[in-house]
Amino acid sequence: MMFLVLGLVIFFGTHGYSAFRSRAPGKDIREKMGMGPYMGLYSLLSLAGFALIIWGYGAARGGPILYTPPAFLAHVNLLLMAFAMIFLAAAYLPTGRIKKAVKHPMLLAVKIWAFGHLLANGELNSVLLFGSFLAYGVIDRIAVKKRGDNGPGPDATESVMGDLGAVAVGLGAYALIAFWLHPIAFGVAAVPG
């Protein structure tokens, strides 16, 4: 459990610092270090934290169970993951109505992913992992809004291909993960059965 917690602290510490750092001239660390070294250090720490999260989560399996969710919530989670994957794809594709409507599709995808997995998993390691991601997604969305970053502006050009691509890529990735990668990568079948 220690490695999971350490990974969460490093990963979210890095991301939290980035979200809440001072942007005042002369106080922004990116300005002091230079963008290249800052991004290198940020990436290195994020990857180290992420690796510890993965390792720590697996090592903490079989730990205390905080709650036992009803079986139908696994199906609700499956449905939510389809939307999460579409929003995640929309974050990286040209702006369409999806990206314009949700403003920050990656943050929304993370929140849906975390919430859905909290519905379906009651082990302590799962609650720590998914609860941390959900809390961070909510906090970061508030921070982004406070900074005045409201996603693509109302005059941003909309691309139907962006929406079609988000749905196609998102559902394709969803099917790949749900029916093949999830059991291999996480040791648990995503599709109950």
C-alpha atoms as a PDB file:
ATOM      1  CA  MET A   1       0.000   0.000   0.000  1.00  0.00           C
ATOM      2  CA  MET A   2       2.945   2.288   0.731  1.00  0.00           C
ATOM      3  CA  PHE A   3       4.082   2.308  -2.910  1.00  0.00           C
ATOM      4  CA  LEU A   4       0.566   3.112  -4.130  1.00  0.00           C
ATOM      5  CA  VAL A   5       0.312   6.064  -1.740  1.00  0.00           C
ATOM      6  CA  LEU A   6       3.840   7.244  -2.615  1.00  0.00           C
ATOM      7  CA  GLY A   7       3.020   7.032  -6.319  1.00  0.00           C
ATOM      8  CA  LEU A   8      -0.199   9.007  -5.829  1.00  0.00           C
ATOM      9  CA  VAL A   9       1.665  11.687  -3.855  1.00  0.00           C
ATOM     10  CA  ILE A  10       4.384  12.040  -6.524  1.00  0.00           C
ATOM     11  CA  PHE A  11       1.972  11.920  -9.479  1.00  0.00           C
ATOM     12  CA  PHE A  12      -0.603  14.326  -8.060  1.00  0.00           C
ATOM     13  CA  GLY A  13       2.018  16.477  -6.385  1.00  0.00           C
ATOM     14  CA  THR A  14       3.595  17.068  -9.779  1.00  0.00           C
ATOM     15  CA  HIS A  15       0.247  17.667 -11.476  1.00  0.00           C
ATOM     16  CA  GLY A  16      -1.041  19.804  -8.596  1.00  0.00           C
ATOM     17  CA  TYR A  17       2.071  21.976  -8.643  1.00  0.00           C
ATOM     18  CA  SER A  18       1.659  22.447 -12.373  1.00  0.00           C
ATOM     19  CA  ALA A  19      -2.012  23.378 -11.982  1.00  0.00           C
ATOM     20  CA  PHE A  20      -1.528  25.807  -9.104  1.00  0.00           C
ATOM     21  CA  ARG A  21       1.967  27.230  -9.667  1.00  0.00           C
ATOM     22  CA  SER A  22       2.474  30.962  -9.798  1.00  0.00           C
ATOM     23  CA  ARG A  23       2.265  32.345 -13.296  1.00  0.00           C
ATOM     24  CA  ALA A  24       3.449  35.800 -12.291  1.00  0.00           C
ATOM     25  CA  PRO A  25       6.434  37.074 -14.303  1.00  0.00           C
ATOM     26  CA  GLY A  26       9.661  36.166 -12.528  1.00  0.00           C
ATOM     27  CA  LYS A  27       7.919  33.613 -10.289  1.00  0.00           C
ATOM     28  CA  ASP A  28       6.951  30.982 -12.853  1.00  0.00           C
ATOM     29  CA  ILE A  29       9.329  28.033 -12.477  1.00  0.00           C
ATOM     30  CA  ARG A  30       9.095  27.304 -16.209  1.00  0.00           C
ATOM     31  CA  GLU A  31      10.536  30.743 -16.834  1.00  0.00           C
ATOM     32  CA  LYS A  32      13.366  30.165 -14.345  1.00  0.00           C
ATOM     33  CA  MET A  33      14.265  26.627 -15.476  1.00  0.00           C
ATOM     34  CA  GLY A  34      13.378  26.973 -19.134  1.00  0.00           C
ATOM     35  CA  MET A  35      10.529  25.109 -20.754  1.00  0.00           C
ATOM     36  CA  GLY A  36      12.610  22.108 -21.879  1.00  0.00           C
ATOM     37  CA  PRO A  37      14.166  21.263 -18.494  1.00  0.00           C
ATOM     38  CA  TYR A  38      10.870  21.945 -16.704  1.00  0.00           C
ATOM     39  CA  MET A  39       8.930  19.598 -18.993  1.00  0.00           C
ATOM     40  CA  GLY A  40      11.669  16.975 -18.699  1.00  0.00           C
ATOM     41  CA  LEU A  41      11.551  17.046 -14.893  1.00  0.00           C
ATOM     42  CA  TYR A  42       7.734  17.167 -14.894  1.00  0.00           C
ATOM     43  CA  SER A  43       7.554  14.154 -17.230  1.00  0.00           C
ATOM     44  CA  LEU A  44      10.154  12.188 -15.283  1.00  0.00           C
ATOM     45  CA  LEU A  45       8.388  12.737 -11.952  1.00  0.00           C
ATOM     46  CA  SER A  46       4.962  12.016 -13.468  1.00  0.00           C
ATOM     47  CA  LEU A  47       6.193   8.756 -15.006  1.00  0.00           C
ATOM     48  CA  ALA A  48       7.888   7.716 -11.755  1.00  0.00           C
ATOM     49  CA  GLY A  49       4.683   8.417  -9.840  1.00  0.00           C
ATOM     50  CA  PHE A  50       2.588   6.582 -12.421  1.00  0.00           C
ATOM     51  CA  ALA A  51       4.898   3.543 -12.326  1.00  0.00           C
ATOM     52  CA  LEU A  52       4.671   3.460  -8.524  1.00  0.00           C
ATOM     53  CA  ILE A  53       0.867   3.735  -8.743  1.00  0.00           C
ATOM     54  CA  ILE A  54       0.681   0.743 -11.090  1.00  0.00           C
ATOM     55  CA  TRP A  55       3.080  -1.354  -9.055  1.00  0.00           C
ATOM     56  CA  GLY A  56       1.600  -0.301  -5.713  1.00  0.00           C
ATOM     57  CA  TYR A  57      -1.970  -0.941  -6.853  1.00  0.00           C
ATOM     58  CA  GLY A  58      -1.122  -4.477  -7.951  1.00  0.00           C
ATOM     59  CA  ALA A  59       0.869  -5.163  -4.788  1.00  0.00           C
ATOM     60  CA  ALA A  60      -2.037  -3.972  -2.615  1.00  0.00           C
ATOM     61  CA  ARG A  61      -4.568  -6.405  -4.141  1.00  0.00           C
ATOM     62  CA  GLY A  62      -6.334  -8.592  -1.656  1.00  0.00           C
ATOM     63  CA  GLY A  63      -6.304  -5.837   0.951  1.00  0.00           C
ATOM     64  CA  PRO A  64      -9.229  -4.639   3.047  1.00  0.00           C
ATOM     65  CA  ILE A  65     -12.669  -4.385   1.423  1.00  0.00           C
ATOM     66  CA  LEU A  66     -14.430  -1.153   2.376  1.00  0.00           C
ATOM     67  CA  TYR A  67     -17.715  -1.923   0.634  1.00  0.00           C
ATOM     68  CA  THR A  68     -19.194  -4.560  -1.625  1.00  0.00           C
ATOM     69  CA  PRO A  69     -20.981  -2.935  -4.562  1.00  0.00           C
ATOM     70  CA  PRO A  70     -24.058  -4.586  -6.077  1.00  0.00           C
ATOM     71  CA  ALA A  71     -23.254  -6.584  -9.230  1.00  0.00           C
ATOM     72  CA  PHE A  72     -25.265  -4.268 -11.516  1.00  0.00           C
ATOM     73  CA  LEU A  73     -22.798  -1.439 -10.840  1.00  0.00           C
ATOM     74  CA  ALA A  74     -20.181  -3.325 -12.866  1.00  0.00           C
ATOM     75  CA  HIS A  75     -22.529  -2.930 -15.857  1.00  0.00           C
ATOM     76  CA  VAL A  76     -23.043   0.772 -15.082  1.00  0.00           C
ATOM     77  CA  ASN A  77     -19.255   1.126 -15.025  1.00  0.00           C
ATOM     78  CA  LEU A  78     -19.000  -0.533 -18.447  1.00  0.00           C
ATOM     79  CA  LEU A  79     -21.480   1.968 -19.874  1.00  0.00           C
ATOM     80  CA  LEU A  80     -19.678   4.926 -18.298  1.00  0.00           C
ATOM     81  CA  MET A  81     -16.343   3.754 -19.718  1.00  0.00           C
ATOM     82  CA  ALA A  82     -17.705   4.023 -23.272  1.00  0.00           C
ATOM     83  CA  PHE A  83     -18.408   7.719 -22.658  1.00  0.00           C
ATOM     84  CA  ALA A  84     -15.073   8.210 -20.898  1.00  0.00           C
ATOM     85  CA  MET A  85     -13.199   6.816 -23.895  1.00  0.00           C
ATOM     86  CA  ILE A  86     -15.127   9.004 -26.339  1.00  0.00           C
ATOM     87  CA  PHE A  87     -14.323  12.107 -24.277  1.00  0.00           C
ATOM     88  CA  LEU A  88     -10.679  11.065 -23.970  1.00  0.00           C
ATOM     89  CA  ALA A  89     -10.433  10.692 -27.755  1.00  0.00           C
ATOM     90  CA  ALA A  90     -12.181  14.058 -28.238  1.00  0.00           C
ATOM     91  CA  ALA A  91      -9.431  15.734 -26.194  1.00  0.00           C
ATOM     92  CA  TYR A  92      -6.849  14.847 -28.837  1.00  0.00           C
ATOM     93  CA  LEU A  93      -8.846  15.284 -32.026  1.00  0.00           C
ATOM     94  CA  PRO A  94      -9.929  18.455 -33.842  1.00  0.00           C
ATOM     95  CA  THR A  95     -12.565  20.489 -32.055  1.00  0.00           C
ATOM     96  CA  GLY A  96     -16.074  19.269 -32.646  1.00  0.00           C
ATOM     97  CA  ARG A  97     -19.331  19.746 -30.790  1.00  0.00           C
ATOM     98  CA  ILE A  98     -18.251  17.249 -28.137  1.00  0.00           C
ATOM     99  CA  LYS A  99     -15.086  19.147 -27.217  1.00  0.00           C
ATOM    100  CA  LYS A 100     -16.918  22.491 -27.368  1.00  0.00           C
ATOM    101  CA  ALA A 101     -19.744  21.261 -25.165  1.00  0.00           C
ATOM    102  CA  VAL A 102     -17.642  19.671 -22.424  1.00  0.00           C
ATOM    103  CA  LYS A 103     -14.791  22.222 -22.657  1.00  0.00           C
ATOM    104  CA  HIS A 104     -12.146  19.934 -21.127  1.00  0.00           C
ATOM    105  CA  PRO A 105     -12.907  16.423 -22.384  1.00  0.00           C
ATOM    106  CA  MET A 106      -9.829  14.803 -20.867  1.00  0.00           C
ATOM    107  CA  LEU A 107     -10.718  15.994 -17.369  1.00  0.00           C
ATOM    108  CA  LEU A 108     -14.281  14.809 -17.853  1.00  0.00           C
ATOM    109  CA  ALA A 109     -13.003  11.436 -19.080  1.00  0.00           C
ATOM    110  CA  VAL A 110     -10.818  11.048 -15.994  1.00  0.00           C
ATOM    111  CA  LYS A 111     -13.702  11.948 -13.675  1.00  0.00           C
ATOM    112  CA  ILE A 112     -16.083   9.502 -15.378  1.00  0.00           C
ATOM    113  CA  TRP A 113     -13.427   6.755 -15.385  1.00  0.00           C
ATOM    114  CA  ALA A 114     -12.699   7.253 -11.683  1.00  0.00           C
ATOM    115  CA  PHE A 115     -16.363   7.537 -10.658  1.00  0.00           C
ATOM    116  CA  GLY A 116     -17.355   4.443 -12.630  1.00  0.00           C
ATOM    117  CA  HIS A 117     -14.554   2.403 -11.099  1.00  0.00           C
ATOM    118  CA  LEU A 118     -15.489   3.595  -7.593  1.00  0.00           C
ATOM    119  CA  LEU A 119     -19.004   2.311  -8.252  1.00  0.00           C
ATOM    120  CA  ALA A 120     -17.706  -1.127  -9.168  1.00  0.00           C
ATOM    121  CA  ASN A 121     -14.768  -1.575  -6.759  1.00  0.00           C
ATOM    122  CA  GLY A 122     -14.803  -1.400  -2.982  1.00  0.00           C
ATOM    123  CA  GLU A 123     -11.281  -2.540  -2.079  1.00  0.00           C
ATOM    124  CA  LEU A 124      -9.082  -0.066  -0.207  1.00  0.00           C
ATOM    125  CA  ASN A 125      -6.500   0.114  -3.006  1.00  0.00           C
ATOM    126  CA  SER A 126      -9.268   0.853  -5.546  1.00  0.00           C
ATOM    127  CA  VAL A 127     -10.851   3.531  -3.382  1.00  0.00           C
ATOM    128  CA  LEU A 128      -7.460   5.198  -2.899  1.00  0.00           C
ATOM    129  CA  LEU A 129      -6.619   5.054  -6.606  1.00  0.00           C
ATOM    130  CA  PHE A 130      -9.933   5.998  -8.163  1.00  0.00           C
ATOM    131  CA  GLY A 131     -10.899   8.380  -5.353  1.00  0.00           C
ATOM    132  CA  SER A 132      -7.629  10.277  -5.827  1.00  0.00           C
ATOM    133  CA  PHE A 133      -8.166  10.589  -9.566  1.00  0.00           C
ATOM    134  CA  LEU A 134     -11.764  11.731  -9.080  1.00  0.00           C
ATOM    135  CA  ALA A 135     -10.780  14.306  -6.457  1.00  0.00           C
ATOM    136  CA  TYR A 136      -7.955  15.593  -8.642  1.00  0.00           C
ATOM    137  CA  GLY A 137     -10.245  15.805 -11.688  1.00  0.00           C
ATOM    138  CA  VAL A 138     -12.742  17.916  -9.743  1.00  0.00           C
ATOM    139  CA  ILE A 139     -10.042  20.145  -8.210  1.00  0.00           C
ATOM    140  CA  ASP A 140      -8.238  20.619 -11.521  1.00  0.00           C
ATOM    141  CA  ARG A 141     -11.482  21.513 -13.325  1.00  0.00           C
ATOM    142  CA  ILE A 142     -12.109  24.210 -10.700  1.00  0.00           C
ATOM    143  CA  ALA A 143      -8.526  25.471 -11.107  1.00  0.00           C
ATOM    144  CA  VAL A 144      -8.809  25.537 -14.891  1.00  0.00           C
ATOM    145  CA  LYS A 145     -12.054  27.495 -14.671  1.00  0.00           C
ATOM    146  CA  LYS A 146     -10.499  29.938 -12.183  1.00  0.00           C
ATOM    147  CA  ARG A 147      -7.631  30.555 -14.606  1.00  0.00           C
ATOM    148  CA  GLY A 148     -10.205  31.480 -17.242  1.00  0.00           C
ATOM    149  CA  ASP A 149      -9.449  28.492 -19.451  1.00  0.00           C
ATOM    150  CA  ASN A 150     -12.903  27.502 -20.645  1.00  0.00           C
ATOM    151  CA  GLY A 151     -11.776  25.220 -23.450  1.00  0.00           C
ATOM    152  CA  PRO A 152     -12.407  25.996 -27.096  1.00  0.00           C
ATOM    153  CA  GLY A 153     -14.030  29.396 -27.461  1.00  0.00           C
ATOM    154  CA  PRO A 154     -17.480  29.922 -28.947  1.00  0.00           C
ATOM    155  CA  ASP A 155     -15.889  31.038 -32.208  1.00  0.00           C
ATOM    156  CA  ALA A 156     -13.703  27.904 -32.508  1.00  0.00           C
ATOM    157  CA  THR A 157     -14.231  26.090 -35.774  1.00  0.00           C
ATOM    158  CA  GLU A 158     -16.186  22.876 -35.316  1.00  0.00           C
ATOM    159  CA  SER A 159     -15.213  19.786 -37.215  1.00  0.00           C
ATOM    160  CA  VAL A 160     -17.731  17.020 -37.755  1.00  0.00           C
ATOM    161  CA  MET A 161     -14.715  14.790 -38.337  1.00  0.00           C
ATOM    162  CA  GLY A 162     -13.555  15.618 -34.807  1.00  0.00           C
ATOM    163  CA  ASP A 163     -16.813  14.263 -33.394  1.00  0.00           C
ATOM    164  CA  LEU A 164     -16.945  11.241 -35.711  1.00  0.00           C
ATOM    165  CA  GLY A 165     -13.311  10.498 -34.945  1.00  0.00           C
ATOM    166  CA  ALA A 166     -13.883  10.815 -31.191  1.00  0.00           C
ATOM    167  CA  VAL A 167     -16.773   8.356 -31.315  1.00  0.00           C
ATOM    168  CA  ALA A 168     -14.956   5.899 -33.617  1.00  0.00           C
ATOM    169  CA  VAL A 169     -11.607   6.031 -31.810  1.00  0.00           C
ATOM    170  CA  GLY A 170     -13.234   6.113 -28.373  1.00  0.00           C
ATOM    171  CA  LEU A 171     -15.487   3.116 -29.001  1.00  0.00           C
ATOM    172  CA  GLY A 172     -12.668   1.234 -30.730  1.00  0.00           C
ATOM    173  CA  ALA A 173     -10.356   1.812 -27.765  1.00  0.00           C
ATOM    174  CA  TYR A 174     -13.201   0.893 -25.413  1.00  0.00           C
ATOM    175  CA  ALA A 175     -13.751  -2.447 -27.170  1.00  0.00           C
ATOM    176  CA  LEU A 176     -10.014  -3.172 -27.260  1.00  0.00           C
ATOM    177  CA  ILE A 177      -9.605  -2.465 -23.547  1.00  0.00           C
ATOM    178  CA  ALA A 178     -12.839  -4.071 -22.338  1.00  0.00           C
ATOM    179  CA  PHE A 179     -12.564  -7.298 -24.298  1.00  0.00           C
ATOM    180  CA  TRP A 180      -8.822  -7.825 -24.562  1.00  0.00           C
ATOM    181  CA  LEU A 181      -6.395  -5.500 -22.739  1.00  0.00           C
ATOM    182  CA  HIS A 182      -8.068  -5.082 -19.340  1.00  0.00           C
ATOM    183  CA  PRO A 183      -7.559  -8.711 -18.238  1.00  0.00           C
ATOM    184  CA  ILE A 184      -3.997  -8.713 -19.586  1.00  0.00           C
ATOM    185  CA  ALA A 185      -2.946  -5.354 -18.144  1.00  0.00           C
ATOM    186  CA  PHE A 186      -4.882  -5.386 -14.871  1.00  0.00           C
ATOM    187  CA  GLY A 187      -5.536  -9.066 -14.238  1.00  0.00           C
ATOM    188  CA  VAL A 188      -9.292  -8.531 -13.986  1.00  0.00           C
ATOM    189  CA  ALA A 189     -11.907  -9.083 -16.683  1.00  0.00           C
ATOM    190  CA  ALA A 190     -13.702  -5.829 -17.431  1.00  0.00           C
ATOM    191  CA  VAL A 191     -16.751  -7.588 -18.804  1.00  0.00           C
ATOM    192  CA  PRO A 192     -18.496  -9.553 -16.046  1.00  0.00           C
ATOM    193  CA  GLY A 193     -19.259 -13.072 -16.942  1.00  0.00           C
END
